[in-house]
Amino acid sequence: MYAFQMDVPQSLARYDEVLAALKEAGQDQPADRLMHMCAATEGGFRVTEVWESHEACDRYGDEVMRPTVERVAGPEMTAGGPPPNQELAVHGLQLGAERVGA
């Protein structure tokens, strides 16, 4: 498993715009992503995700997420790459009554 959290210095309205574009394209629920969460922060929002693998996360970011953000928010939003993220060492993951992984 691979997990990370990332603080994005954008509004929740921008998050909603990107999510709507992903949904419209049928790309909002990648099969290899186990969990996605978004929460408001003082400076924007924080995304926390758990993936089956680091490679699957990178592939989605390269092939789907960055092009969608660029299309919705403009190329200046992706010019410097994604915001820094903090990788998380997943010891266990429970989704409802289902335990996934370690």
C-alpha atoms as a PDB file:
ATOM      1  CA  MET A   1       0.000   0.000   0.000  1.00  0.00           C
ATOM      2  CA  TYR A   2       0.989   3.606  -0.541  1.00  0.00           C
ATOM      3  CA  ALA A   3      -0.545   6.589   1.241  1.00  0.00           C
ATOM      4  CA  PHE A   4       0.064  10.312   1.313  1.00  0.00           C
ATOM      5  CA  GLN A   5      -1.401  13.599   2.372  1.00  0.00           C
ATOM      6  CA  MET A   6      -0.939  16.878   0.547  1.00  0.00           C
ATOM      7  CA  ASP A   7      -1.937  20.431   1.409  1.00  0.00           C
ATOM      8  CA  VAL A   8      -3.221  22.300  -1.639  1.00  0.00           C
ATOM      9  CA  PRO A   9      -3.270  26.113  -1.466  1.00  0.00           C
ATOM     10  CA  GLN A  10      -6.503  26.425  -3.456  1.00  0.00           C
ATOM     11  CA  SER A  11     -10.143  26.932  -2.563  1.00  0.00           C
ATOM     12  CA  LEU A  12     -12.618  24.134  -1.965  1.00  0.00           C
ATOM     13  CA  ALA A  13     -14.500  25.528  -4.969  1.00  0.00           C
ATOM     14  CA  ARG A  14     -11.462  24.691  -7.124  1.00  0.00           C
ATOM     15  CA  TYR A  15     -11.408  21.162  -5.636  1.00  0.00           C
ATOM     16  CA  ASP A  16     -15.099  20.809  -6.529  1.00  0.00           C
ATOM     17  CA  GLU A  17     -14.437  21.996 -10.105  1.00  0.00           C
ATOM     18  CA  VAL A  18     -11.669  19.434 -10.609  1.00  0.00           C
ATOM     19  CA  LEU A  19     -13.787  16.667  -9.049  1.00  0.00           C
ATOM     20  CA  ALA A  20     -16.705  17.542 -11.336  1.00  0.00           C
ATOM     21  CA  ALA A  21     -14.414  17.348 -14.387  1.00  0.00           C
ATOM     22  CA  LEU A  22     -13.080  13.969 -13.234  1.00  0.00           C
ATOM     23  CA  LYS A  23     -16.634  12.670 -12.695  1.00  0.00           C
ATOM     24  CA  GLU A  24     -17.731  13.925 -16.105  1.00  0.00           C
ATOM     25  CA  ALA A  25     -14.835  12.019 -17.694  1.00  0.00           C
ATOM     26  CA  GLY A  26     -15.586   8.887 -15.621  1.00  0.00           C
ATOM     27  CA  GLN A  27     -12.178   9.127 -13.940  1.00  0.00           C
ATOM     28  CA  ASP A  28     -13.092  10.094 -10.376  1.00  0.00           C
ATOM     29  CA  GLN A  29     -12.858   6.591  -8.891  1.00  0.00           C
ATOM     30  CA  PRO A  30      -9.701   4.822 -10.044  1.00  0.00           C
ATOM     31  CA  ALA A  31      -9.752   1.097  -9.296  1.00  0.00           C
ATOM     32  CA  ASP A  32      -6.384   1.116  -7.517  1.00  0.00           C
ATOM     33  CA  ARG A  33      -7.277   3.919  -5.087  1.00  0.00           C
ATOM     34  CA  LEU A  34      -8.557   2.494  -1.816  1.00  0.00           C
ATOM     35  CA  MET A  35      -9.457   5.744  -0.048  1.00  0.00           C
ATOM     36  CA  HIS A  36      -9.718   9.466  -0.837  1.00  0.00           C
ATOM     37  CA  MET A  37     -10.507  12.216   1.632  1.00  0.00           C
ATOM     38  CA  CYS A  38     -10.549  15.994   1.317  1.00  0.00           C
ATOM     39  CA  ALA A  39     -10.742  18.386   4.276  1.00  0.00           C
ATOM     40  CA  ALA A  40     -10.626  22.168   4.506  1.00  0.00           C
ATOM     41  CA  THR A  41      -7.511  23.810   5.956  1.00  0.00           C
ATOM     42  CA  GLU A  42      -6.700  27.439   6.760  1.00  0.00           C
ATOM     43  CA  GLY A  43      -4.837  27.836   3.483  1.00  0.00           C
ATOM     44  CA  GLY A  44      -6.985  25.672   1.204  1.00  0.00           C
ATOM     45  CA  PHE A  45      -7.571  21.943   1.533  1.00  0.00           C
ATOM     46  CA  ARG A  46      -5.792  18.701   2.423  1.00  0.00           C
ATOM     47  CA  VAL A  47      -6.084  15.541   0.361  1.00  0.00           C
ATOM     48  CA  THR A  48      -5.339  12.173   1.964  1.00  0.00           C
ATOM     49  CA  GLU A  49      -5.299   9.060  -0.186  1.00  0.00           C
ATOM     50  CA  VAL A  50      -4.442   5.368   0.126  1.00  0.00           C
ATOM     51  CA  TRP A  51      -3.499   3.417  -2.996  1.00  0.00           C
ATOM     52  CA  GLU A  52      -2.721  -0.209  -3.718  1.00  0.00           C
ATOM     53  CA  SER A  53       0.729   0.891  -4.938  1.00  0.00           C
ATOM     54  CA  HIS A  54       2.924   3.929  -5.408  1.00  0.00           C
ATOM     55  CA  GLU A  55       3.083   3.156  -9.136  1.00  0.00           C
ATOM     56  CA  ALA A  56      -0.712   3.227  -9.506  1.00  0.00           C
ATOM     57  CA  CYS A  57      -0.867   6.580  -7.719  1.00  0.00           C
ATOM     58  CA  ASP A  58       1.883   8.050  -9.917  1.00  0.00           C
ATOM     59  CA  ARG A  59       0.223   6.755 -13.084  1.00  0.00           C
ATOM     60  CA  TYR A  60      -3.128   8.338 -12.146  1.00  0.00           C
ATOM     61  CA  GLY A  61      -1.392  11.595 -11.278  1.00  0.00           C
ATOM     62  CA  ASP A  62       0.504  11.700 -14.575  1.00  0.00           C
ATOM     63  CA  GLU A  63      -2.226  10.450 -16.897  1.00  0.00           C
ATOM     64  CA  VAL A  64      -5.406  11.800 -15.298  1.00  0.00           C
ATOM     65  CA  MET A  65      -5.049  14.228 -12.384  1.00  0.00           C
ATOM     66  CA  ARG A  66      -2.457  16.707 -13.665  1.00  0.00           C
ATOM     67  CA  PRO A  67      -4.018  17.010 -17.149  1.00  0.00           C
ATOM     68  CA  THR A  68      -7.442  17.558 -15.549  1.00  0.00           C
ATOM     69  CA  VAL A  69      -6.154  20.205 -13.135  1.00  0.00           C
ATOM     70  CA  GLU A  70      -4.403  21.943 -16.023  1.00  0.00           C
ATOM     71  CA  ARG A  71      -7.561  21.880 -18.143  1.00  0.00           C
ATOM     72  CA  VAL A  72      -9.759  23.198 -15.310  1.00  0.00           C
ATOM     73  CA  ALA A  73      -7.406  25.644 -13.583  1.00  0.00           C
ATOM     74  CA  GLY A  74      -4.884  26.509 -16.284  1.00  0.00           C
ATOM     75  CA  PRO A  75      -1.279  25.472 -16.953  1.00  0.00           C
ATOM     76  CA  GLU A  76       0.092  27.745 -14.229  1.00  0.00           C
ATOM     77  CA  MET A  77      -1.497  25.412 -11.647  1.00  0.00           C
ATOM     78  CA  THR A  78       0.703  22.505 -12.687  1.00  0.00           C
ATOM     79  CA  ALA A  79       3.824  24.391 -13.835  1.00  0.00           C
ATOM     80  CA  GLY A  80       5.751  23.717 -10.621  1.00  0.00           C
ATOM     81  CA  GLY A  81       4.462  20.172 -10.256  1.00  0.00           C
ATOM     82  CA  PRO A  82       2.107  19.001  -7.525  1.00  0.00           C
ATOM     83  CA  PRO A  83       2.343  20.468  -4.018  1.00  0.00           C
ATOM     84  CA  PRO A  84       4.767  18.613  -1.747  1.00  0.00           C
ATOM     85  CA  ASN A  85       3.229  15.613  -0.073  1.00  0.00           C
ATOM     86  CA  GLN A  86       3.926  13.653   3.051  1.00  0.00           C
ATOM     87  CA  GLU A  87       4.063   9.906   2.593  1.00  0.00           C
ATOM     88  CA  LEU A  88       2.290   7.939   5.297  1.00  0.00           C
ATOM     89  CA  ALA A  89       3.307   4.509   6.559  1.00  0.00           C
ATOM     90  CA  VAL A  90       0.036   2.586   6.627  1.00  0.00           C
ATOM     91  CA  HIS A  91      -0.145   0.095   9.455  1.00  0.00           C
ATOM     92  CA  GLY A  92      -3.795  -0.760   8.869  1.00  0.00           C
ATOM     93  CA  LEU A  93      -6.769   0.493   6.932  1.00  0.00           C
ATOM     94  CA  GLN A  94     -10.410  -0.128   7.754  1.00  0.00           C
ATOM     95  CA  LEU A  95     -13.223   0.979   5.483  1.00  0.00           C
ATOM     96  CA  GLY A  96     -16.492   0.449   7.277  1.00  0.00           C
ATOM     97  CA  ALA A  97     -16.467  -3.136   8.510  1.00  0.00           C
ATOM     98  CA  GLU A  98     -13.900  -4.226   5.918  1.00  0.00           C
ATOM     99  CA  ARG A  99     -10.224  -4.383   6.844  1.00  0.00           C
ATOM    100  CA  VAL A 100      -7.870  -3.796   3.913  1.00  0.00           C
ATOM    101  CA  GLY A 101      -4.180  -4.700   4.079  1.00  0.00           C
ATOM    102  CA  ALA A 102      -1.941  -5.063   7.120  1.00  0.00           C
END
